[in-house]
Amino acid sequence: MASVSTAPPRPEPLWRPAHRLNRSGIPDKYLPWLLYPNSLTERLIAQCRKNFRVQLLDQRLARPMRNEAMALKIRFGTRAMVRQVQLLCGDTPWVYARTVIPARTLAGKFRRFRQLGARSLGAVLFADPSMERGEVEITCLTPADELYYRVTRDSRDKPEQVWGRRSLFLLGGKPLLVCEFFLPAIADF
């Protein structure tokens, strides 16, 4: 009889730089999505055609996870805007995205991020000539991760693993962190 783990879920994912990752452990169907260097939004629109849409799940001032605060170089416990969306093809979720935007980034011309609603953040990011993208980091969520349950909440069949990536973006020198988790339906395309 197999024993059931009673350990609490890991509160935060472990992120690894893409260039130091053992790619042989990543399923082939996810690797092109994880390492895609351009706008994910544009690629999803091209794949999904006219059925692409963004569904806002939540957007509020909240405390980022410790690893998010470290990546953004803000003090842990400082509140930031946390935006969670699903990127869908028709009614099928393909990507769960979580964006963390510090208060200092939400000032001036970037205060428009407070009002994105169901519009794509990627379209705004990649249209900004001041945009700089940091290194891509990769993670793999399992049911042992707390975030796994948020990412898969609308999935009928819960996958054993959910692969994700994140990048720190700078707009006019101001940071924001974008995390994208690829749901199983995306691998069908």
Protein backbone atom coordinates (compact mmCIF):
# COMPACT_ATOMS: atom_id res chain seq x y z
CA MET A 1 0.00 0.00 0.00
CA ALA A 2 1.45 3.38 -1.01
CA SER A 3 1.70 5.96 1.70
CA VAL A 4 -0.03 9.29 1.22
CA SER A 5 2.11 12.35 1.79
CA THR A 6 0.83 14.65 4.50
CA ALA A 7 3.39 17.36 3.76
CA PRO A 8 1.86 20.77 3.12
CA PRO A 9 2.03 22.00 -0.47
CA ARG A 10 5.10 24.02 -1.45
CA PRO A 11 4.11 27.68 -1.14
CA GLU A 12 6.22 28.80 -4.10
CA PRO A 13 7.50 27.26 -7.31
CA LEU A 14 11.21 26.78 -7.90
CA TRP A 15 12.30 28.76 -10.96
CA ARG A 16 15.42 27.86 -12.98
CA PRO A 17 17.12 29.88 -15.73
CA ALA A 18 16.17 28.36 -19.10
CA HIS A 19 19.79 28.22 -20.25
CA ARG A 20 20.75 26.03 -17.25
CA LEU A 21 17.81 23.65 -17.49
CA ASN A 22 18.06 20.01 -18.50
CA ARG A 23 15.74 20.18 -21.49
CA SER A 24 15.54 16.41 -21.87
CA GLY A 25 13.18 16.40 -18.86
CA ILE A 26 10.69 18.74 -20.54
CA PRO A 27 8.06 17.14 -22.81
CA ASP A 28 8.72 18.04 -26.47
CA LYS A 29 5.21 19.45 -26.88
CA TYR A 30 5.90 22.21 -24.30
CA LEU A 31 9.48 23.15 -25.12
CA PRO A 32 8.67 25.42 -28.12
CA TRP A 33 6.13 27.32 -26.02
CA LEU A 34 8.45 27.69 -23.03
CA LEU A 35 11.33 29.02 -25.11
CA TYR A 36 9.36 31.18 -27.54
CA PRO A 37 11.20 34.54 -27.56
CA ASN A 38 8.54 36.84 -29.03
CA SER A 39 5.00 37.81 -28.05
CA LEU A 40 3.09 34.81 -26.74
CA THR A 41 -0.14 36.71 -27.41
CA GLU A 42 0.67 37.02 -31.12
CA ARG A 43 1.53 33.34 -31.35
CA LEU A 44 -1.68 32.33 -29.58
CA ILE A 45 -3.75 34.57 -31.86
CA ALA A 46 -2.07 33.02 -34.91
CA GLN A 47 -2.79 29.49 -33.62
CA CYS A 48 -6.32 30.16 -32.41
CA ARG A 49 -7.30 32.67 -35.10
CA LYS A 50 -10.45 34.62 -34.23
CA ASN A 51 -11.28 32.52 -31.17
CA PHE A 52 -8.53 33.94 -28.92
CA ARG A 53 -9.60 35.84 -25.83
CA VAL A 54 -8.40 36.92 -22.41
CA GLN A 55 -10.47 36.13 -19.34
CA LEU A 56 -9.67 38.22 -16.27
CA LEU A 57 -9.75 36.00 -13.17
CA ASP A 58 -8.55 38.48 -10.58
CA GLN A 59 -6.72 41.79 -10.32
CA ARG A 60 -5.96 43.44 -6.99
CA LEU A 61 -3.32 44.87 -4.73
CA ALA A 62 -1.76 41.91 -2.94
CA ARG A 63 1.48 40.67 -1.48
CA PRO A 64 3.57 38.92 -4.13
CA MET A 65 5.19 35.60 -3.34
CA ARG A 66 8.67 35.85 -1.82
CA ASN A 67 10.38 34.77 -5.06
CA GLU A 68 8.35 37.34 -7.03
CA ALA A 69 9.36 40.12 -4.62
CA MET A 70 13.00 39.07 -4.97
CA ALA A 71 12.80 39.06 -8.78
CA LEU A 72 11.23 42.55 -8.73
CA LYS A 73 13.68 43.81 -6.08
CA ILE A 74 10.91 44.91 -3.75
CA ARG A 75 10.71 44.24 -0.03
CA PHE A 76 8.79 41.07 0.82
CA GLY A 77 5.35 42.03 2.12
CA THR A 78 5.11 45.12 -0.07
CA ARG A 79 1.82 45.19 -1.93
CA ALA A 80 1.79 45.20 -5.72
CA MET A 81 -0.87 44.75 -8.38
CA VAL A 82 -1.32 41.03 -9.03
CA ARG A 83 -3.23 40.21 -12.19
CA GLN A 84 -4.37 36.68 -13.03
CA VAL A 85 -5.88 35.76 -16.38
CA GLN A 86 -6.54 32.82 -18.61
CA LEU A 87 -5.71 32.97 -22.29
CA LEU A 88 -8.32 30.94 -24.10
CA CYS A 89 -8.99 29.54 -27.53
CA GLY A 90 -12.76 29.57 -27.67
CA ASP A 91 -13.80 28.24 -24.28
CA THR A 92 -10.64 26.20 -23.72
CA PRO A 93 -7.97 27.60 -21.40
CA TRP A 94 -4.51 27.35 -23.00
CA VAL A 95 -2.49 29.53 -20.63
CA TYR A 96 -2.82 30.76 -17.06
CA ALA A 97 -0.88 34.01 -16.63
CA ARG A 98 0.07 35.81 -13.44
CA THR A 99 1.57 39.29 -13.61
CA VAL A 100 3.00 41.23 -10.69
CA ILE A 101 3.39 44.98 -11.12
CA PRO A 102 5.00 47.06 -8.34
CA ALA A 103 3.41 50.39 -7.40
CA ARG A 104 6.38 52.33 -8.83
CA THR A 105 5.67 50.81 -12.25
CA LEU A 106 2.00 51.81 -12.12
CA ALA A 107 2.83 55.53 -12.11
CA GLY A 108 2.83 57.88 -15.09
CA LYS A 109 1.98 56.47 -18.50
CA PHE A 110 1.97 52.91 -17.15
CA ARG A 111 -0.97 53.51 -14.83
CA ARG A 112 -3.05 52.21 -17.75
CA PHE A 113 -2.13 48.72 -16.54
CA ARG A 114 -4.66 49.20 -13.75
CA GLN A 115 -7.45 49.25 -16.37
CA LEU A 116 -6.46 46.38 -18.70
CA GLY A 117 -9.47 44.25 -17.86
CA ALA A 118 -9.78 41.51 -20.49
CA ARG A 119 -7.25 43.12 -22.83
CA SER A 120 -3.93 41.41 -23.49
CA LEU A 121 -0.94 42.63 -21.50
CA GLY A 122 1.39 41.08 -24.09
CA ALA A 123 0.07 43.36 -26.82
CA VAL A 124 0.91 46.40 -24.67
CA LEU A 125 4.35 45.09 -23.65
CA PHE A 126 5.61 44.21 -27.10
CA ALA A 127 4.29 47.46 -28.61
CA ASP A 128 6.33 49.60 -26.19
CA PRO A 129 9.70 50.61 -27.71
CA SER A 130 11.25 50.94 -24.23
CA MET A 131 10.50 47.29 -23.39
CA GLU A 132 13.41 45.11 -22.30
CA ARG A 133 12.94 41.45 -21.45
CA GLY A 134 15.06 39.67 -18.90
CA GLU A 135 16.08 36.06 -18.85
CA VAL A 136 13.42 33.37 -19.18
CA GLU A 137 13.06 31.11 -16.16
CA ILE A 138 11.24 27.76 -16.20
CA THR A 139 9.32 25.82 -13.56
CA CYS A 140 7.21 22.69 -13.36
CA LEU A 141 4.20 22.62 -11.04
CA THR A 142 2.78 19.42 -9.60
CA PRO A 143 0.02 18.79 -7.06
CA ALA A 144 2.74 19.29 -4.41
CA ASP A 145 2.72 23.04 -5.30
CA GLU A 146 0.17 25.47 -3.90
CA LEU A 147 0.10 27.43 -7.17
CA TYR A 148 -0.79 24.26 -9.11
CA TYR A 149 -4.36 24.46 -7.79
CA ARG A 150 -4.86 28.04 -8.96
CA VAL A 151 -3.39 27.28 -12.37
CA THR A 152 -5.50 24.16 -12.95
CA ARG A 153 -8.70 25.29 -11.24
CA ASP A 154 -10.75 25.24 -14.47
CA SER A 155 -9.17 22.10 -15.94
CA ARG A 156 -11.49 19.13 -16.14
CA ASP A 157 -8.64 16.63 -16.19
CA LYS A 158 -5.86 17.69 -13.84
CA PRO A 159 -2.46 17.09 -15.44
CA GLU A 160 0.40 15.53 -13.47
CA GLN A 161 2.60 18.52 -14.35
CA VAL A 162 2.13 22.07 -15.56
CA TRP A 163 5.13 23.73 -17.20
CA GLY A 164 5.58 27.46 -16.88
CA ARG A 165 7.94 30.28 -17.65
CA ARG A 166 8.47 33.76 -16.33
CA SER A 167 10.37 36.87 -17.38
CA LEU A 168 11.11 40.18 -15.78
CA PHE A 169 10.18 42.99 -18.16
CA LEU A 170 11.35 46.59 -17.92
CA LEU A 171 9.25 49.38 -19.41
CA GLY A 172 11.05 52.67 -19.32
CA GLY A 173 13.29 51.04 -16.71
CA LYS A 174 10.31 50.07 -14.50
CA PRO A 175 9.84 46.35 -13.69
CA LEU A 176 6.97 43.93 -13.97
CA LEU A 177 7.03 40.16 -13.73
CA VAL A 178 5.05 37.96 -16.13
CA CYS A 179 4.51 34.26 -15.37
CA GLU A 180 2.81 32.00 -17.95
CA PHE A 181 1.73 28.41 -17.32
CA PHE A 182 0.89 26.20 -20.29
CA LEU A 183 -2.21 24.06 -19.84
CA PRO A 184 -2.55 20.65 -21.54
CA ALA A 185 -4.89 21.83 -24.35
CA ILE A 186 -2.14 24.04 -25.80
CA ALA A 187 -0.03 21.00 -26.60
CA ASP A 188 -2.62 19.82 -29.12
CA PHE A 189 -1.55 22.59 -31.52
